[in-house]
N, C-alpha and C. Protein backbone atom coordinates (compact mmCIF):
# COMPACT_ATOMS: atom_id res chain seq x y z
N MET A 1 7.12 -1.78 26.04
CA MET A 1 8.30 -1.70 25.20
C MET A 1 8.96 -3.07 25.13
N GLU A 2 9.29 -3.46 23.95
CA GLU A 2 9.96 -4.74 23.73
C GLU A 2 11.42 -4.66 24.18
N PHE A 3 11.89 -5.68 24.86
CA PHE A 3 13.28 -5.75 25.31
C PHE A 3 14.17 -6.14 24.13
N ARG A 4 15.10 -5.26 23.77
CA ARG A 4 16.01 -5.55 22.64
C ARG A 4 17.45 -5.74 23.08
N GLY A 5 17.77 -5.28 24.26
CA GLY A 5 19.16 -5.27 24.71
C GLY A 5 19.73 -6.66 24.96
N LYS A 6 21.02 -6.66 25.21
CA LYS A 6 21.72 -7.89 25.53
C LYS A 6 21.78 -8.07 27.04
N TYR A 7 21.41 -9.25 27.48
CA TYR A 7 21.53 -9.57 28.89
C TYR A 7 23.00 -9.71 29.28
N PHE A 8 23.25 -9.65 30.59
CA PHE A 8 24.59 -9.85 31.14
C PHE A 8 25.25 -11.10 30.54
N GLU A 9 24.50 -12.17 30.49
CA GLU A 9 25.05 -13.45 30.02
C GLU A 9 25.44 -13.41 28.54
N ASP A 10 24.87 -12.48 27.77
CA ASP A 10 25.12 -12.41 26.33
C ASP A 10 26.41 -11.68 25.97
N TRP A 11 26.95 -10.89 26.90
CA TRP A 11 28.16 -10.13 26.60
C TRP A 11 29.37 -11.05 26.66
N GLU A 12 30.10 -11.08 25.57
CA GLU A 12 31.29 -11.92 25.44
C GLU A 12 32.54 -11.04 25.59
N ILE A 13 33.39 -11.41 26.52
CA ILE A 13 34.62 -10.64 26.75
C ILE A 13 35.45 -10.63 25.47
N GLY A 14 35.88 -9.43 25.07
CA GLY A 14 36.77 -9.28 23.92
C GLY A 14 36.09 -9.12 22.58
N LYS A 15 34.78 -9.35 22.50
CA LYS A 15 34.09 -9.15 21.23
C LYS A 15 33.89 -7.66 21.00
N VAL A 16 34.28 -7.18 19.82
CA VAL A 16 34.27 -5.76 19.52
C VAL A 16 33.05 -5.41 18.66
N TYR A 17 32.41 -4.30 19.02
CA TYR A 17 31.26 -3.78 18.29
C TYR A 17 31.55 -2.35 17.87
N GLU A 18 30.86 -1.89 16.83
CA GLU A 18 30.95 -0.49 16.43
C GLU A 18 29.56 0.08 16.26
N SER A 19 29.41 1.31 16.69
CA SER A 19 28.14 2.02 16.54
C SER A 19 28.02 2.54 15.11
N ALA A 20 26.88 3.09 14.82
CA ALA A 20 26.71 3.86 13.58
C ALA A 20 27.57 5.12 13.69
N SER A 21 27.66 5.87 12.62
CA SER A 21 28.46 7.10 12.59
C SER A 21 27.55 8.33 12.61
N ARG A 22 28.14 9.46 13.00
CA ARG A 22 27.42 10.73 13.02
C ARG A 22 28.41 11.87 12.86
N THR A 23 28.06 12.85 12.05
CA THR A 23 28.91 14.01 11.82
C THR A 23 28.62 15.07 12.88
N ILE A 24 29.69 15.61 13.47
CA ILE A 24 29.58 16.70 14.45
C ILE A 24 29.42 18.01 13.68
N THR A 25 28.39 18.78 14.02
CA THR A 25 28.11 20.01 13.28
C THR A 25 28.30 21.25 14.16
N GLU A 26 28.37 22.39 13.48
CA GLU A 26 28.41 23.67 14.20
C GLU A 26 27.16 23.82 15.07
N THR A 27 26.03 23.38 14.56
CA THR A 27 24.78 23.47 15.31
C THR A 27 24.87 22.67 16.60
N ASP A 28 25.49 21.49 16.54
CA ASP A 28 25.66 20.68 17.75
C ASP A 28 26.39 21.48 18.83
N ILE A 29 27.45 22.19 18.43
CA ILE A 29 28.26 22.95 19.38
C ILE A 29 27.43 24.07 20.01
N VAL A 30 26.68 24.79 19.18
CA VAL A 30 25.86 25.90 19.68
C VAL A 30 24.78 25.38 20.63
N ILE A 31 24.10 24.33 20.25
CA ILE A 31 23.04 23.78 21.10
C ILE A 31 23.61 23.27 22.41
N PHE A 32 24.76 22.58 22.35
CA PHE A 32 25.35 22.04 23.57
C PHE A 32 25.81 23.16 24.50
N ALA A 33 26.37 24.22 23.93
CA ALA A 33 26.78 25.37 24.75
C ALA A 33 25.56 25.94 25.49
N GLY A 34 24.46 26.09 24.79
CA GLY A 34 23.24 26.61 25.42
C GLY A 34 22.68 25.67 26.45
N LEU A 35 22.68 24.39 26.16
CA LEU A 35 22.14 23.40 27.08
C LEU A 35 22.98 23.27 28.34
N SER A 36 24.30 23.27 28.17
CA SER A 36 25.20 23.06 29.30
C SER A 36 25.57 24.35 30.02
N GLY A 37 25.45 25.48 29.33
CA GLY A 37 25.91 26.74 29.90
C GLY A 37 27.41 26.95 29.75
N ASP A 38 28.07 26.07 29.00
CA ASP A 38 29.52 26.15 28.79
C ASP A 38 29.79 26.97 27.53
N TYR A 39 30.03 28.25 27.73
CA TYR A 39 30.30 29.16 26.61
C TYR A 39 31.79 29.47 26.49
N ASN A 40 32.63 28.53 26.86
CA ASN A 40 34.08 28.71 26.72
C ASN A 40 34.37 29.18 25.30
N PRO A 41 35.16 30.25 25.13
CA PRO A 41 35.40 30.78 23.78
C PRO A 41 36.09 29.80 22.84
N LEU A 42 36.73 28.78 23.38
CA LEU A 42 37.32 27.75 22.51
C LEU A 42 36.24 27.05 21.70
N HIS A 43 35.02 27.03 22.24
CA HIS A 43 33.89 26.38 21.57
C HIS A 43 32.97 27.37 20.86
N THR A 44 32.96 28.63 21.31
CA THR A 44 31.92 29.55 20.85
C THR A 44 32.42 30.82 20.15
N ASP A 45 33.72 31.05 20.15
CA ASP A 45 34.28 32.29 19.59
C ASP A 45 35.33 31.94 18.54
N GLU A 46 34.94 32.04 17.28
CA GLU A 46 35.84 31.64 16.18
C GLU A 46 37.14 32.43 16.18
N GLU A 47 37.08 33.73 16.44
CA GLU A 47 38.30 34.55 16.43
C GLU A 47 39.25 34.14 17.55
N PHE A 48 38.70 33.89 18.73
CA PHE A 48 39.51 33.40 19.84
C PHE A 48 40.12 32.04 19.49
N ALA A 49 39.29 31.15 18.97
CA ALA A 49 39.73 29.78 18.68
C ALA A 49 40.78 29.73 17.57
N LYS A 50 40.77 30.71 16.66
CA LYS A 50 41.79 30.75 15.60
C LYS A 50 43.20 30.84 16.17
N LYS A 51 43.32 31.41 17.36
CA LYS A 51 44.63 31.57 18.00
C LYS A 51 44.98 30.38 18.89
N SER A 52 44.11 29.40 18.95
CA SER A 52 44.35 28.22 19.80
C SER A 52 45.18 27.19 19.04
N ILE A 53 45.54 26.14 19.73
CA ILE A 53 46.32 25.06 19.09
C ILE A 53 45.51 24.35 18.01
N PHE A 54 44.20 24.51 18.01
CA PHE A 54 43.35 23.85 17.03
C PHE A 54 43.12 24.70 15.79
N GLY A 55 43.27 26.01 15.91
CA GLY A 55 43.10 26.91 14.77
C GLY A 55 41.66 27.21 14.42
N ARG A 56 40.75 26.67 15.16
CA ARG A 56 39.32 26.91 14.95
C ARG A 56 38.54 26.39 16.14
N ARG A 57 37.24 26.68 16.17
CA ARG A 57 36.41 26.20 17.27
C ARG A 57 36.38 24.67 17.26
N VAL A 58 36.28 24.10 18.44
CA VAL A 58 36.18 22.65 18.58
C VAL A 58 34.95 22.31 19.43
N PRO A 59 34.38 21.15 19.23
CA PRO A 59 33.26 20.74 20.08
C PRO A 59 33.73 20.47 21.51
N HIS A 60 32.85 20.65 22.44
CA HIS A 60 33.10 20.34 23.84
C HIS A 60 33.44 18.84 23.95
N GLY A 61 34.37 18.51 24.83
CA GLY A 61 34.67 17.10 25.07
C GLY A 61 33.46 16.33 25.56
N LEU A 62 32.66 16.99 26.40
CA LEU A 62 31.47 16.32 26.91
C LEU A 62 30.38 16.19 25.85
N LEU A 63 30.40 17.06 24.84
CA LEU A 63 29.49 16.89 23.71
C LEU A 63 29.86 15.62 22.95
N VAL A 64 31.13 15.44 22.70
CA VAL A 64 31.60 14.22 22.00
C VAL A 64 31.21 12.99 22.81
N LEU A 65 31.42 13.05 24.13
CA LEU A 65 31.05 11.94 25.00
C LEU A 65 29.55 11.67 24.93
N SER A 66 28.74 12.71 24.94
CA SER A 66 27.29 12.55 24.89
C SER A 66 26.83 11.94 23.57
N ILE A 67 27.40 12.41 22.47
CA ILE A 67 27.03 11.85 21.17
C ILE A 67 27.47 10.40 21.09
N SER A 68 28.65 10.11 21.60
CA SER A 68 29.12 8.72 21.62
C SER A 68 28.15 7.83 22.39
N SER A 69 27.70 8.31 23.55
CA SER A 69 26.75 7.55 24.35
C SER A 69 25.46 7.31 23.57
N GLY A 70 24.99 8.33 22.88
CA GLY A 70 23.78 8.17 22.07
C GLY A 70 23.96 7.16 20.94
N LEU A 71 25.11 7.22 20.29
CA LEU A 71 25.37 6.26 19.19
C LEU A 71 25.38 4.83 19.70
N ILE A 72 25.98 4.63 20.87
CA ILE A 72 26.02 3.28 21.46
C ILE A 72 24.59 2.83 21.77
N ASN A 73 23.80 3.71 22.36
CA ASN A 73 22.43 3.33 22.71
C ASN A 73 21.58 3.06 21.48
N GLN A 74 21.84 3.77 20.38
CA GLN A 74 21.09 3.52 19.15
C GLN A 74 21.37 2.13 18.57
N SER A 75 22.44 1.48 19.00
CA SER A 75 22.74 0.13 18.52
C SER A 75 21.67 -0.86 18.98
N GLY A 76 20.94 -0.51 20.04
CA GLY A 76 19.90 -1.39 20.57
C GLY A 76 20.43 -2.41 21.56
N MET A 77 21.73 -2.58 21.64
CA MET A 77 22.30 -3.61 22.50
C MET A 77 22.12 -3.34 23.98
N PHE A 78 21.86 -2.08 24.33
CA PHE A 78 21.69 -1.71 25.73
C PHE A 78 20.24 -1.38 26.08
N GLU A 79 19.38 -1.37 25.06
CA GLU A 79 18.00 -0.93 25.25
C GLU A 79 17.25 -1.84 26.21
N GLY A 80 16.84 -1.28 27.33
CA GLY A 80 16.10 -2.03 28.34
C GLY A 80 16.97 -2.93 29.19
N ALA A 81 18.26 -3.00 28.91
CA ALA A 81 19.15 -3.91 29.62
C ALA A 81 19.94 -3.24 30.73
N VAL A 82 20.20 -1.96 30.58
CA VAL A 82 21.02 -1.26 31.58
C VAL A 82 20.16 -0.91 32.79
N GLU A 83 20.57 -1.41 33.95
CA GLU A 83 19.88 -1.09 35.18
C GLU A 83 20.49 0.14 35.85
N ALA A 84 21.79 0.36 35.63
CA ALA A 84 22.44 1.54 36.21
C ALA A 84 23.78 1.78 35.52
N PHE A 85 24.09 3.06 35.37
CA PHE A 85 25.42 3.50 34.93
C PHE A 85 26.20 3.71 36.22
N LEU A 86 27.26 2.94 36.44
CA LEU A 86 27.95 2.96 37.73
C LEU A 86 29.19 3.83 37.75
N ALA A 87 29.94 3.85 36.66
CA ALA A 87 31.19 4.61 36.69
C ALA A 87 31.71 4.84 35.27
N MET A 88 32.47 5.94 35.17
CA MET A 88 33.26 6.18 33.96
C MET A 88 34.68 6.44 34.46
N GLU A 89 35.62 5.68 33.93
CA GLU A 89 37.00 5.77 34.39
C GLU A 89 37.91 6.07 33.21
N LYS A 90 39.02 6.69 33.50
CA LYS A 90 40.08 6.91 32.51
C LYS A 90 39.59 7.58 31.23
N PHE A 91 38.68 8.54 31.37
CA PHE A 91 38.19 9.28 30.21
C PHE A 91 39.29 10.19 29.72
N ARG A 92 39.67 10.03 28.45
CA ARG A 92 40.73 10.84 27.86
C ARG A 92 40.34 11.28 26.47
N LEU A 93 40.66 12.53 26.15
CA LEU A 93 40.54 13.03 24.79
C LEU A 93 41.94 12.95 24.19
N THR A 94 42.11 12.16 23.15
CA THR A 94 43.44 11.88 22.63
C THR A 94 43.75 12.57 21.31
N LYS A 95 42.73 13.02 20.60
CA LYS A 95 42.91 13.70 19.32
C LYS A 95 41.73 14.64 19.13
N ALA A 96 42.02 15.82 18.62
CA ALA A 96 40.95 16.81 18.43
C ALA A 96 39.91 16.32 17.42
N ILE A 97 38.67 16.61 17.75
CA ILE A 97 37.56 16.41 16.81
C ILE A 97 37.11 17.80 16.41
N LEU A 98 36.91 18.01 15.13
CA LEU A 98 36.52 19.31 14.61
C LEU A 98 35.12 19.24 14.01
N PRO A 99 34.43 20.39 13.92
CA PRO A 99 33.14 20.38 13.23
C PRO A 99 33.34 19.82 11.82
N GLY A 100 32.45 18.94 11.42
CA GLY A 100 32.57 18.28 10.12
C GLY A 100 33.17 16.89 10.22
N ASP A 101 33.80 16.57 11.36
CA ASP A 101 34.31 15.21 11.55
C ASP A 101 33.14 14.27 11.82
N THR A 102 33.28 13.05 11.36
CA THR A 102 32.28 12.02 11.57
C THR A 102 32.84 11.01 12.56
N ILE A 103 32.08 10.77 13.63
CA ILE A 103 32.56 9.88 14.68
C ILE A 103 31.69 8.63 14.80
N LYS A 104 32.29 7.62 15.37
CA LYS A 104 31.59 6.39 15.74
C LYS A 104 32.27 5.89 17.02
N THR A 105 31.66 4.94 17.67
CA THR A 105 32.22 4.40 18.90
C THR A 105 32.44 2.90 18.75
N ARG A 106 33.66 2.50 19.08
CA ARG A 106 33.99 1.06 19.13
C ARG A 106 33.95 0.68 20.60
N PHE A 107 33.27 -0.41 20.92
CA PHE A 107 33.16 -0.81 22.32
C PHE A 107 33.25 -2.31 22.47
N GLU A 108 33.79 -2.71 23.62
CA GLU A 108 33.91 -4.14 23.91
C GLU A 108 33.83 -4.36 25.41
N ALA A 109 33.24 -5.47 25.78
CA ALA A 109 33.20 -5.88 27.19
C ALA A 109 34.60 -6.39 27.55
N ILE A 110 35.14 -5.85 28.64
CA ILE A 110 36.48 -6.29 29.05
C ILE A 110 36.48 -7.02 30.39
N GLU A 111 35.35 -6.93 31.10
CA GLU A 111 35.25 -7.64 32.38
C GLU A 111 33.78 -7.83 32.74
N LYS A 112 33.47 -8.97 33.34
CA LYS A 112 32.12 -9.25 33.82
C LYS A 112 32.23 -9.85 35.21
N LYS A 113 31.27 -9.47 36.06
CA LYS A 113 31.21 -10.09 37.38
C LYS A 113 29.79 -10.01 37.92
N VAL A 114 29.50 -10.91 38.85
CA VAL A 114 28.21 -10.91 39.52
C VAL A 114 28.47 -10.49 40.96
N THR A 115 27.71 -9.50 41.43
CA THR A 115 27.89 -9.01 42.80
C THR A 115 27.31 -10.00 43.80
N LYS A 116 27.59 -9.76 45.06
CA LYS A 116 27.02 -10.59 46.14
C LYS A 116 25.51 -10.55 46.13
N GLN A 117 24.96 -9.42 45.64
CA GLN A 117 23.50 -9.27 45.56
C GLN A 117 22.93 -9.87 44.28
N GLY A 118 23.77 -10.48 43.44
CA GLY A 118 23.32 -11.13 42.23
C GLY A 118 23.17 -10.22 41.02
N LYS A 119 23.72 -9.02 41.10
CA LYS A 119 23.64 -8.07 39.98
C LYS A 119 24.78 -8.31 39.00
N GLY A 120 24.48 -8.15 37.72
CA GLY A 120 25.49 -8.32 36.68
C GLY A 120 26.19 -7.01 36.39
N ILE A 121 27.51 -6.99 36.50
CA ILE A 121 28.31 -5.80 36.24
C ILE A 121 29.22 -6.08 35.05
N VAL A 122 29.14 -5.21 34.04
CA VAL A 122 29.98 -5.36 32.85
C VAL A 122 30.79 -4.09 32.69
N THR A 123 32.09 -4.26 32.50
CA THR A 123 33.00 -3.14 32.25
C THR A 123 33.32 -3.12 30.77
N PHE A 124 33.17 -1.95 30.16
CA PHE A 124 33.38 -1.79 28.72
C PHE A 124 34.51 -0.82 28.44
N LYS A 125 35.32 -1.13 27.45
CA LYS A 125 36.27 -0.18 26.87
C LYS A 125 35.55 0.46 25.70
N MET A 126 35.55 1.81 25.67
CA MET A 126 34.81 2.53 24.64
C MET A 126 35.72 3.58 24.02
N ASP A 127 35.94 3.47 22.72
CA ASP A 127 36.79 4.41 21.99
C ASP A 127 35.98 5.14 20.94
N VAL A 128 36.11 6.46 20.89
CA VAL A 128 35.51 7.26 19.83
C VAL A 128 36.55 7.38 18.71
N LEU A 129 36.11 7.06 17.49
CA LEU A 129 36.99 7.15 16.32
C LEU A 129 36.44 8.17 15.35
N ASN A 130 37.35 8.83 14.64
CA ASN A 130 36.93 9.76 13.60
C ASN A 130 36.80 9.03 12.26
N GLN A 131 36.54 9.79 11.20
CA GLN A 131 36.32 9.20 9.88
C GLN A 131 37.58 8.52 9.32
N LYS A 132 38.74 8.78 9.91
CA LYS A 132 39.99 8.14 9.49
C LYS A 132 40.32 6.94 10.37
N ASP A 133 39.37 6.55 11.22
CA ASP A 133 39.54 5.47 12.20
C ASP A 133 40.64 5.75 13.21
N GLU A 134 40.89 7.03 13.49
CA GLU A 134 41.84 7.42 14.52
C GLU A 134 41.10 7.53 15.85
N VAL A 135 41.69 7.01 16.91
CA VAL A 135 41.07 7.11 18.23
C VAL A 135 41.20 8.55 18.72
N CYS A 136 40.06 9.16 19.03
CA CYS A 136 40.01 10.55 19.48
C CYS A 136 39.65 10.67 20.95
N SER A 137 39.05 9.64 21.50
CA SER A 137 38.63 9.64 22.89
C SER A 137 38.56 8.19 23.35
N GLU A 138 38.91 7.98 24.61
CA GLU A 138 38.80 6.63 25.16
C GLU A 138 38.30 6.72 26.60
N ARG A 139 37.61 5.68 26.99
CA ARG A 139 37.08 5.62 28.35
C ARG A 139 36.76 4.19 28.72
N ILE A 140 36.58 3.99 30.01
CA ILE A 140 36.10 2.73 30.56
C ILE A 140 34.76 3.05 31.22
N SER A 141 33.72 2.31 30.87
CA SER A 141 32.40 2.51 31.47
C SER A 141 31.97 1.24 32.17
N VAL A 142 31.41 1.40 33.35
CA VAL A 142 30.94 0.26 34.15
C VAL A 142 29.43 0.36 34.26
N LEU A 143 28.75 -0.69 33.81
CA LEU A 143 27.29 -0.70 33.78
C LEU A 143 26.74 -1.92 34.53
N MET A 144 25.61 -1.72 35.17
CA MET A 144 24.87 -2.85 35.72
C MET A 144 23.88 -3.28 34.64
N ILE A 145 23.99 -4.54 34.24
CA ILE A 145 23.20 -5.08 33.13
C ILE A 145 22.28 -6.18 33.66
N LYS A 146 21.04 -6.18 33.20
CA LYS A 146 20.07 -7.20 33.62
C LYS A 146 20.61 -8.61 33.36
N ARG A 147 20.31 -9.47 34.30
CA ARG A 147 20.66 -10.89 34.15
C ARG A 147 19.43 -11.66 33.68
N ARG A 148 19.64 -12.61 32.83
CA ARG A 148 18.55 -13.42 32.29
C ARG A 148 17.98 -14.35 33.36
N ASP A 149 18.84 -14.87 34.20
CA ASP A 149 18.47 -15.93 35.15
C ASP A 149 17.86 -15.40 36.44
N VAL A 150 17.77 -14.08 36.59
CA VAL A 150 17.32 -13.55 37.87
C VAL A 150 15.96 -12.89 37.72
């Protein structure tokens, strides 16, 4: 497999990237419920969800997170470069995403460091945006990224 990702040295603090977009579908919700075993009626029961603050079924927060992760990886910038996913911090859902909404992820490197063992650690701010460019989810992800010089 050809290495396409960005090495540790290539990540520039503060440079902002955006993933491609993807529409969240009813099918996504059903498949994710089956895969995860999370059949919470807020996600799977339309009549129950009509009485919720959302007025209809909503996708699982972890489904949105998973799709966001996939969109970021499809950018190619991480392909073959990530040695380990180390942490996710401050994960927040800030605005409801509904079936039919189209999301993308905006991400930027906010910190870089080299460990005592010579490993490259990059901390990213990652925001999921809807089709109106409203932030719906935010998180900090810490990844170990291959170094070019090692």
